[in-house]
């Protein structure tokens, strides 16, 4: 609500004033310090913490970019769990890197929901295993739909 937004804004201002008085640092605009990066921005400002995008973090943990550079063919999966942000971030990054290094890439997805997004990222072929996303794992409507580009 508007009242809650005003209260949050006032609390953020108050926190900023405490930091200014106690640590003698002004918390200003920080790149990627918005809604999702607020805590990271404060840690960056106060303790010089490194700020990374989710793609940079995935690359750092998995060495994904160097693996894709070495590959001849990329086959990757898109999971069933729609709330899995890490998997989504990784599959998008795989698609981007496959295009960057001109590698053929095949996406195996639960549904065709991401086909358009993968197509726009240059994925060579896409397959899905479910015609419709099941409500439960006992309610599968199996089938395969194929989208392929040469």
N, C-alpha and C. Protein backbone atom coordinates (compact mmCIF):
# COMPACT_ATOMS: atom_id res chain seq x y z
N UNK A 1 0.84 -1.18 0.00
CA UNK A 1 0.00 0.00 0.00
C UNK A 1 0.88 1.24 0.00
N UNK A 2 0.26 2.38 -0.26
CA UNK A 2 0.99 3.65 -0.27
C UNK A 2 1.59 3.93 1.10
N UNK A 3 0.83 3.68 2.16
CA UNK A 3 1.31 3.94 3.52
C UNK A 3 2.54 3.09 3.83
N UNK A 4 2.51 1.82 3.44
CA UNK A 4 3.66 0.94 3.67
C UNK A 4 4.88 1.41 2.86
N UNK A 5 4.65 1.84 1.63
CA UNK A 5 5.75 2.33 0.79
C UNK A 5 6.40 3.56 1.42
N UNK A 6 5.59 4.47 1.95
CA UNK A 6 6.12 5.67 2.62
C UNK A 6 6.92 5.26 3.85
N UNK A 7 6.41 4.31 4.62
CA UNK A 7 7.11 3.86 5.82
C UNK A 7 8.46 3.23 5.45
N UNK A 8 8.48 2.40 4.43
CA UNK A 8 9.74 1.77 3.98
C UNK A 8 10.72 2.84 3.52
N UNK A 9 10.23 3.79 2.74
CA UNK A 9 11.09 4.87 2.25
C UNK A 9 11.70 5.65 3.42
N UNK A 10 10.89 5.95 4.42
CA UNK A 10 11.37 6.67 5.60
C UNK A 10 12.41 5.85 6.38
N UNK A 11 12.18 4.55 6.50
CA UNK A 11 13.13 3.69 7.20
C UNK A 11 14.47 3.61 6.46
N UNK A 12 14.41 3.55 5.14
CA UNK A 12 15.64 3.53 4.34
C UNK A 12 16.40 4.84 4.53
N UNK A 13 15.68 5.95 4.50
CA UNK A 13 16.32 7.25 4.74
C UNK A 13 16.96 7.28 6.12
N UNK A 14 16.24 6.78 7.14
CA UNK A 14 16.74 6.76 8.51
C UNK A 14 18.01 5.91 8.60
N UNK A 15 18.00 4.75 7.96
CA UNK A 15 19.18 3.88 7.94
C UNK A 15 20.36 4.60 7.29
N UNK A 16 20.09 5.28 6.20
CA UNK A 16 21.13 6.04 5.49
C UNK A 16 21.72 7.12 6.39
N UNK A 17 20.89 7.78 7.16
CA UNK A 17 21.36 8.82 8.09
C UNK A 17 22.22 8.22 9.20
N UNK A 18 21.85 7.05 9.70
CA UNK A 18 22.66 6.37 10.73
C UNK A 18 24.04 6.05 10.17
N UNK A 19 24.07 5.49 8.96
CA UNK A 19 25.36 5.16 8.33
C UNK A 19 26.18 6.42 8.12
N UNK A 20 25.54 7.48 7.67
CA UNK A 20 26.24 8.74 7.43
C UNK A 20 26.88 9.26 8.73
N UNK A 21 26.15 9.21 9.83
CA UNK A 21 26.65 9.74 11.11
C UNK A 21 27.66 8.81 11.79
N UNK A 22 27.42 7.51 11.74
CA UNK A 22 28.26 6.56 12.47
C UNK A 22 29.51 6.15 11.71
N UNK A 23 29.40 6.00 10.40
CA UNK A 23 30.51 5.48 9.60
C UNK A 23 31.10 6.55 8.68
N UNK A 24 30.46 7.69 8.63
CA UNK A 24 30.87 8.80 7.76
C UNK A 24 30.93 8.38 6.29
N UNK A 25 29.91 7.65 5.87
CA UNK A 25 29.77 7.28 4.47
C UNK A 25 28.37 7.61 4.01
N UNK A 26 28.30 8.14 2.82
CA UNK A 26 27.00 8.46 2.24
C UNK A 26 26.60 7.35 1.28
N UNK A 27 25.42 6.80 1.50
CA UNK A 27 24.93 5.74 0.62
C UNK A 27 24.19 6.39 -0.54
N UNK A 28 24.83 6.43 -1.69
CA UNK A 28 24.22 7.02 -2.88
C UNK A 28 23.81 5.96 -3.86
N UNK A 29 23.58 6.40 -5.09
CA UNK A 29 23.20 5.46 -6.14
C UNK A 29 24.37 4.54 -6.46
N UNK A 30 24.08 3.25 -6.50
CA UNK A 30 25.08 2.24 -6.82
C UNK A 30 24.52 1.38 -7.94
N UNK A 31 25.31 1.19 -8.99
CA UNK A 31 24.85 0.36 -10.11
C UNK A 31 24.45 -1.02 -9.61
N UNK A 32 23.30 -1.51 -10.06
CA UNK A 32 22.70 -2.78 -9.66
C UNK A 32 22.32 -2.80 -8.18
N UNK A 33 22.09 -1.64 -7.60
CA UNK A 33 21.73 -1.55 -6.19
C UNK A 33 20.25 -1.33 -5.98
N UNK A 34 19.43 -1.72 -6.94
CA UNK A 34 17.99 -1.51 -6.86
C UNK A 34 17.31 -2.51 -5.95
N UNK A 35 16.07 -2.80 -6.25
CA UNK A 35 15.22 -3.63 -5.39
C UNK A 35 15.89 -4.94 -4.99
N UNK A 36 16.36 -5.70 -5.96
CA UNK A 36 16.97 -6.99 -5.66
C UNK A 36 18.39 -6.88 -5.14
N UNK A 37 19.05 -5.77 -5.39
CA UNK A 37 20.45 -5.63 -5.03
C UNK A 37 20.71 -4.68 -3.88
N UNK A 38 19.68 -4.33 -3.13
CA UNK A 38 19.83 -3.36 -2.05
C UNK A 38 20.83 -3.76 -0.99
N UNK A 39 20.74 -4.99 -0.52
CA UNK A 39 21.67 -5.45 0.51
C UNK A 39 23.08 -5.52 -0.07
N UNK A 40 23.20 -6.02 -1.29
CA UNK A 40 24.51 -6.09 -1.94
C UNK A 40 25.10 -4.69 -2.09
N UNK A 41 24.27 -3.71 -2.43
CA UNK A 41 24.75 -2.34 -2.61
C UNK A 41 25.28 -1.77 -1.29
N UNK A 42 24.58 -2.02 -0.20
CA UNK A 42 25.04 -1.55 1.11
C UNK A 42 26.37 -2.21 1.48
N UNK A 43 26.46 -3.54 1.28
CA UNK A 43 27.71 -4.24 1.59
C UNK A 43 28.85 -3.76 0.69
N UNK A 44 28.54 -3.46 -0.55
CA UNK A 44 29.55 -2.93 -1.48
C UNK A 44 30.04 -1.56 -1.00
N UNK A 45 29.11 -0.71 -0.61
CA UNK A 45 29.47 0.64 -0.17
C UNK A 45 30.26 0.63 1.13
N UNK A 46 29.83 -0.17 2.09
CA UNK A 46 30.47 -0.16 3.41
C UNK A 46 31.73 -1.00 3.48
N UNK A 47 31.75 -2.15 2.78
CA UNK A 47 32.86 -3.09 2.93
C UNK A 47 33.55 -3.44 1.62
N UNK A 48 33.25 -2.70 0.56
CA UNK A 48 33.83 -2.93 -0.77
C UNK A 48 33.58 -4.36 -1.26
N UNK A 49 32.42 -4.91 -0.91
CA UNK A 49 32.05 -6.25 -1.39
C UNK A 49 31.88 -6.22 -2.90
N UNK A 50 32.23 -7.32 -3.54
CA UNK A 50 32.11 -7.42 -4.99
C UNK A 50 30.64 -7.67 -5.36
N UNK A 51 30.15 -6.93 -6.34
CA UNK A 51 28.78 -7.13 -6.81
C UNK A 51 28.83 -7.82 -8.17
N UNK A 52 28.07 -8.91 -8.29
CA UNK A 52 28.01 -9.67 -9.53
C UNK A 52 26.57 -9.84 -9.97
N UNK A 53 26.37 -9.93 -11.27
CA UNK A 53 25.04 -10.30 -11.76
C UNK A 53 24.88 -11.80 -11.53
N UNK A 54 23.66 -12.28 -11.64
CA UNK A 54 23.44 -13.72 -11.48
C UNK A 54 24.18 -14.50 -12.55
N UNK A 55 24.27 -13.95 -13.76
CA UNK A 55 25.01 -14.63 -14.83
C UNK A 55 26.50 -14.70 -14.51
N UNK A 56 27.05 -13.62 -13.99
CA UNK A 56 28.47 -13.62 -13.62
C UNK A 56 28.75 -14.63 -12.51
N UNK A 57 27.83 -14.73 -11.56
CA UNK A 57 28.00 -15.68 -10.46
C UNK A 57 27.94 -17.11 -10.97
N UNK A 58 26.97 -17.41 -11.84
CA UNK A 58 26.87 -18.75 -12.42
C UNK A 58 28.15 -19.08 -13.18
N UNK A 59 28.65 -18.14 -13.98
CA UNK A 59 29.90 -18.36 -14.72
C UNK A 59 31.06 -18.65 -13.77
N UNK A 60 31.13 -17.89 -12.69
CA UNK A 60 32.23 -18.03 -11.75
C UNK A 60 32.19 -19.39 -11.05
N UNK A 61 31.01 -19.82 -10.65
CA UNK A 61 30.87 -21.09 -9.93
C UNK A 61 31.08 -22.28 -10.84
N UNK A 62 30.53 -22.24 -12.04
CA UNK A 62 30.51 -23.41 -12.92
C UNK A 62 31.59 -23.40 -14.01
N UNK A 63 32.26 -22.28 -14.21
CA UNK A 63 33.20 -22.12 -15.33
C UNK A 63 32.48 -22.39 -16.65
N UNK A 64 31.23 -22.00 -16.69
CA UNK A 64 30.35 -22.30 -17.81
C UNK A 64 30.89 -21.78 -19.14
N UNK A 65 31.39 -20.56 -19.15
CA UNK A 65 31.84 -19.98 -20.41
C UNK A 65 32.98 -20.78 -21.02
N UNK A 66 33.96 -21.17 -20.21
CA UNK A 66 35.08 -21.94 -20.77
C UNK A 66 34.62 -23.33 -21.22
N UNK A 67 33.66 -23.92 -20.53
CA UNK A 67 33.14 -25.23 -20.95
C UNK A 67 32.43 -25.13 -22.30
N UNK A 68 31.65 -24.08 -22.47
CA UNK A 68 30.92 -23.91 -23.74
C UNK A 68 31.90 -23.59 -24.87
N UNK A 69 32.93 -22.84 -24.60
CA UNK A 69 33.95 -22.55 -25.62
C UNK A 69 34.57 -23.84 -26.15
N UNK A 70 34.75 -24.84 -25.29
CA UNK A 70 35.40 -26.09 -25.66
C UNK A 70 34.46 -27.09 -26.32
N UNK A 71 33.16 -26.91 -26.15
CA UNK A 71 32.19 -27.91 -26.60
C UNK A 71 31.95 -27.84 -28.11
N UNK A 72 31.54 -28.98 -28.67
CA UNK A 72 31.12 -29.03 -30.07
C UNK A 72 29.61 -28.90 -30.19
N UNK A 73 28.89 -29.39 -29.20
CA UNK A 73 27.43 -29.38 -29.18
C UNK A 73 26.98 -29.15 -27.75
N UNK A 74 25.98 -28.30 -27.56
CA UNK A 74 25.45 -28.00 -26.23
C UNK A 74 24.04 -28.58 -26.14
N UNK A 75 23.80 -29.45 -25.16
CA UNK A 75 22.46 -29.96 -24.88
C UNK A 75 22.17 -29.60 -23.43
N UNK A 76 21.09 -28.87 -23.22
CA UNK A 76 20.78 -28.45 -21.85
C UNK A 76 19.30 -28.63 -21.57
N UNK A 77 18.96 -28.72 -20.30
CA UNK A 77 17.59 -28.98 -19.89
C UNK A 77 16.98 -27.81 -19.16
N UNK A 78 15.69 -27.67 -19.33
CA UNK A 78 14.88 -26.69 -18.62
C UNK A 78 13.96 -27.49 -17.72
N UNK A 79 14.04 -27.28 -16.42
CA UNK A 79 13.34 -28.12 -15.46
C UNK A 79 11.84 -27.93 -15.40
N UNK A 80 11.21 -28.75 -14.57
CA UNK A 80 9.77 -28.71 -14.37
C UNK A 80 9.40 -27.64 -13.34
N UNK A 81 10.27 -27.37 -12.38
CA UNK A 81 9.97 -26.45 -11.28
C UNK A 81 10.10 -25.01 -11.75
N UNK A 82 8.97 -24.35 -11.96
CA UNK A 82 8.97 -22.97 -12.47
C UNK A 82 9.55 -21.97 -11.48
N UNK A 83 9.58 -22.33 -10.19
CA UNK A 83 10.11 -21.40 -9.18
C UNK A 83 11.63 -21.47 -9.09
N UNK A 84 12.26 -22.37 -9.83
CA UNK A 84 13.70 -22.55 -9.73
C UNK A 84 14.43 -21.47 -10.50
N UNK A 85 14.71 -20.36 -9.85
CA UNK A 85 15.35 -19.20 -10.48
C UNK A 85 16.77 -19.52 -10.94
N UNK A 86 17.49 -20.35 -10.17
CA UNK A 86 18.87 -20.66 -10.54
C UNK A 86 18.90 -21.41 -11.86
N UNK A 87 18.02 -22.39 -12.01
CA UNK A 87 17.98 -23.16 -13.25
C UNK A 87 17.63 -22.26 -14.42
N UNK A 88 16.66 -21.37 -14.23
CA UNK A 88 16.27 -20.46 -15.31
C UNK A 88 17.43 -19.56 -15.70
N UNK A 89 18.11 -19.00 -14.72
CA UNK A 89 19.26 -18.15 -14.99
C UNK A 89 20.32 -18.92 -15.76
N UNK A 90 20.58 -20.16 -15.36
CA UNK A 90 21.60 -20.96 -16.01
C UNK A 90 21.23 -21.29 -17.44
N UNK A 91 19.99 -21.68 -17.70
CA UNK A 91 19.61 -22.04 -19.06
C UNK A 91 19.65 -20.84 -19.99
N UNK A 92 19.26 -19.69 -19.51
CA UNK A 92 19.35 -18.48 -20.33
C UNK A 92 20.81 -18.17 -20.63
N UNK A 93 21.66 -18.29 -19.63
CA UNK A 93 23.09 -18.03 -19.82
C UNK A 93 23.70 -19.03 -20.80
N UNK A 94 23.31 -20.29 -20.71
CA UNK A 94 23.81 -21.30 -21.65
C UNK A 94 23.42 -20.91 -23.07
N UNK A 95 22.17 -20.50 -23.26
CA UNK A 95 21.71 -20.10 -24.59
C UNK A 95 22.51 -18.90 -25.10
N UNK A 96 22.74 -17.91 -24.25
CA UNK A 96 23.50 -16.73 -24.65
C UNK A 96 24.94 -17.08 -25.04
N UNK A 97 25.57 -17.92 -24.23
CA UNK A 97 26.96 -18.29 -24.51
C UNK A 97 27.08 -19.17 -25.74
N UNK A 98 26.10 -20.04 -25.96
CA UNK A 98 26.11 -20.88 -27.17
C UNK A 98 26.08 -20.01 -28.41
N UNK A 99 25.26 -18.97 -28.38
CA UNK A 99 25.19 -18.03 -29.50
C UNK A 99 26.50 -17.25 -29.62
N UNK A 100 27.02 -16.78 -28.50
CA UNK A 100 28.26 -15.99 -28.50
C UNK A 100 29.40 -16.76 -29.16
N UNK A 101 29.49 -18.06 -28.88
CA UNK A 101 30.59 -18.87 -29.42
C UNK A 101 30.17 -19.71 -30.63
N UNK A 102 29.00 -19.38 -31.20
CA UNK A 102 28.51 -20.02 -32.42
C UNK A 102 28.48 -21.54 -32.30
N UNK A 103 27.91 -22.03 -31.20
CA UNK A 103 27.80 -23.46 -30.96
C UNK A 103 26.36 -23.90 -31.16
N UNK A 104 26.14 -25.04 -31.80
CA UNK A 104 24.77 -25.55 -31.89
C UNK A 104 24.28 -25.94 -30.49
N UNK A 105 23.04 -25.56 -30.17
CA UNK A 105 22.51 -25.80 -28.84
C UNK A 105 21.12 -26.41 -28.94
N UNK A 106 20.85 -27.40 -28.10
CA UNK A 106 19.55 -28.06 -28.05
C UNK A 106 19.00 -27.90 -26.64
N UNK A 107 17.79 -27.37 -26.54
CA UNK A 107 17.13 -27.21 -25.25
C UNK A 107 16.07 -28.30 -25.10
N UNK A 108 16.14 -29.06 -24.02
CA UNK A 108 15.12 -30.05 -23.70
C UNK A 108 14.33 -29.48 -22.54
N UNK A 109 13.07 -29.16 -22.81
CA UNK A 109 12.24 -28.43 -21.85
C UNK A 109 11.07 -29.28 -21.38
N UNK A 110 10.51 -28.90 -20.25
CA UNK A 110 9.29 -29.56 -19.78
C UNK A 110 8.12 -29.19 -20.69
N UNK A 111 7.96 -27.91 -20.98
CA UNK A 111 6.87 -27.43 -21.85
C UNK A 111 7.47 -26.53 -22.92
N UNK A 112 6.63 -26.08 -23.82
CA UNK A 112 7.11 -25.19 -24.89
C UNK A 112 7.08 -23.72 -24.48
N UNK A 113 6.82 -23.43 -23.22
CA UNK A 113 6.67 -22.04 -22.75
C UNK A 113 7.88 -21.16 -23.07
N UNK A 114 9.08 -21.71 -23.02
CA UNK A 114 10.29 -20.91 -23.21
C UNK A 114 10.81 -20.96 -24.65
N UNK A 115 10.11 -21.64 -25.55
CA UNK A 115 10.60 -21.78 -26.93
C UNK A 115 10.88 -20.42 -27.57
N UNK A 116 9.97 -19.48 -27.44
CA UNK A 116 10.17 -18.17 -28.08
C UNK A 116 11.40 -17.46 -27.51
N UNK A 117 11.57 -17.56 -26.19
CA UNK A 117 12.73 -16.92 -25.56
C UNK A 117 14.02 -17.59 -26.04
N UNK A 118 14.04 -18.92 -26.07
CA UNK A 118 15.23 -19.62 -26.53
C UNK A 118 15.49 -19.33 -28.00
N UNK A 119 14.43 -19.24 -28.79
CA UNK A 119 14.58 -18.91 -30.21
C UNK A 119 15.23 -17.54 -30.37
N UNK A 120 14.79 -16.57 -29.58
CA UNK A 120 15.36 -15.22 -29.68
C UNK A 120 16.82 -15.19 -29.24
N UNK A 121 17.22 -16.17 -28.43
CA UNK A 121 18.61 -16.25 -27.97
C UNK A 121 19.48 -17.10 -28.91
N UNK A 122 18.87 -17.63 -29.98
CA UNK A 122 19.65 -18.35 -30.98
C UNK A 122 19.82 -19.84 -30.75
N UNK A 123 19.00 -20.45 -29.90
CA UNK A 123 19.09 -21.89 -29.67
C UNK A 123 18.71 -22.62 -30.96
N UNK A 124 19.48 -23.63 -31.33
CA UNK A 124 19.32 -24.34 -32.60
C UNK A 124 18.05 -25.17 -32.65
N UNK A 125 17.76 -25.91 -31.58
CA UNK A 125 16.58 -26.79 -31.56
C UNK A 125 16.02 -26.85 -30.15
N UNK A 126 14.70 -27.05 -30.06
CA UNK A 126 14.03 -27.14 -28.77
C UNK A 126 13.06 -28.32 -28.79
N UNK A 127 13.04 -29.08 -27.71
CA UNK A 127 12.12 -30.19 -27.55
C UNK A 127 11.40 -30.02 -26.22
N UNK A 128 10.13 -30.37 -26.17
CA UNK A 128 9.46 -30.39 -24.88
C UNK A 128 8.83 -31.75 -24.66
N UNK A 129 8.76 -32.17 -23.39
CA UNK A 129 8.26 -33.50 -23.07
C UNK A 129 6.80 -33.51 -22.65
N UNK A 130 6.28 -32.39 -22.18
CA UNK A 130 4.88 -32.33 -21.76
C UNK A 130 4.09 -31.47 -22.73
N UNK A 131 2.90 -31.94 -23.10
CA UNK A 131 2.00 -31.13 -23.91
C UNK A 131 1.46 -30.00 -23.03
N UNK A 132 1.08 -30.34 -21.80
CA UNK A 132 0.63 -29.37 -20.80
C UNK A 132 1.40 -29.63 -19.52
N UNK A 133 1.68 -28.58 -18.78
CA UNK A 133 2.37 -28.74 -17.51
C UNK A 133 1.45 -29.49 -16.55
N UNK A 134 1.90 -30.61 -15.98
CA UNK A 134 1.04 -31.38 -15.08
C UNK A 134 0.82 -30.67 -13.75
N UNK A 135 -0.39 -30.84 -13.21
CA UNK A 135 -0.68 -30.31 -11.87
C UNK A 135 0.06 -31.13 -10.81
N UNK A 136 0.17 -32.43 -11.06
CA UNK A 136 0.93 -33.31 -10.18
C UNK A 136 1.69 -34.28 -11.06
N UNK A 137 2.65 -34.96 -10.49
CA UNK A 137 3.48 -35.85 -11.30
C UNK A 137 2.74 -37.10 -11.77
N UNK A 138 1.55 -37.33 -11.29
CA UNK A 138 0.77 -38.48 -11.79
C UNK A 138 -0.18 -38.07 -12.90
N UNK A 139 -0.15 -36.81 -13.30
CA UNK A 139 -1.08 -36.27 -14.29
C UNK A 139 -0.37 -35.88 -15.58
N UNK A 140 0.59 -36.69 -16.01
CA UNK A 140 1.35 -36.36 -17.21
C UNK A 140 0.53 -36.54 -18.47
N UNK A 141 0.64 -35.58 -19.37
CA UNK A 141 0.14 -35.74 -20.73
C UNK A 141 1.39 -35.69 -21.59
N UNK A 142 1.97 -36.84 -21.82
CA UNK A 142 3.27 -36.91 -22.48
C UNK A 142 3.14 -36.73 -23.98
N UNK A 143 4.19 -36.23 -24.53
CA UNK A 143 4.28 -36.05 -25.97
C UNK A 143 5.55 -35.30 -26.25
N UNK A 144 5.88 -35.16 -27.48
CA UNK A 144 7.07 -34.39 -27.84
C UNK A 144 6.69 -33.44 -28.96
N UNK A 145 7.02 -32.18 -28.76
CA UNK A 145 6.87 -31.18 -29.81
C UNK A 145 8.28 -30.71 -30.13
N UNK A 146 8.53 -30.46 -31.39
CA UNK A 146 9.88 -30.14 -31.82
C UNK A 146 9.89 -28.82 -32.57
N UNK A 147 10.87 -28.00 -32.27
CA UNK A 147 11.13 -26.80 -33.05
C UNK A 147 12.61 -26.84 -33.40
N UNK A 148 12.92 -26.86 -34.67
CA UNK A 148 14.31 -27.00 -35.12
C UNK A 148 14.62 -25.99 -36.20
N UNK A 149 15.80 -25.43 -36.14
CA UNK A 149 16.23 -24.46 -37.13
C UNK A 149 17.58 -24.88 -37.69
N UNK A 150 17.73 -24.79 -38.99
CA UNK A 150 19.04 -25.12 -39.58
C UNK A 150 19.56 -23.93 -40.34
